[in-house]
């Protein structure tokens, strides 16, 4: 289990590390994250990374780089689809292929939830995984998220609907 990971808000200068990690991980991420496809370009990574600071400061999305103790870029995590009426958000994460299997995703989810519950008004974080994405489901469970059920036709990936599993972390509850 990897113990020394940190998360920090994305910076524009993370674009190259993001690009390299995504390119390394295309075959593993593509089924679940259509943004990470074989033609993913450095300019797409630059555009994405450079937009994060504004979205973070507006409170419309909170995106973080996941780093190991040496500062190596391991992946990303974030909160999006924020519902300000009912105080919940979608929590997502991905880990580069060379860093999987070491507890990175679960540790990042725990750190992101700690941020959300301490520094925002959010009281519920939802993790929605395609039913076939068992690795992501394991990471959610290891982070302490509770499996709440299967949502039929919840995700649209690559022109097809997919059933998904809903996990949730709730402020003040185990």
Foldseek 3Di string as FASTA:
>chain_A
DADAKDKDFFALVCLVLAVVLLCQALVPCCQFDVCSHNPNDSVNSNVVRHCRVVCVVVVQKTKIFMAGPVRRTFWIKIWHPADPVQQETEIDIDTRPVPPPPLRLLVVVLNRVVCSLPPHSHFKYKYKAFPPPVSVVVSCVSNPWAWDAKAFQPDQHPNDGTIIIITMDGPPDD
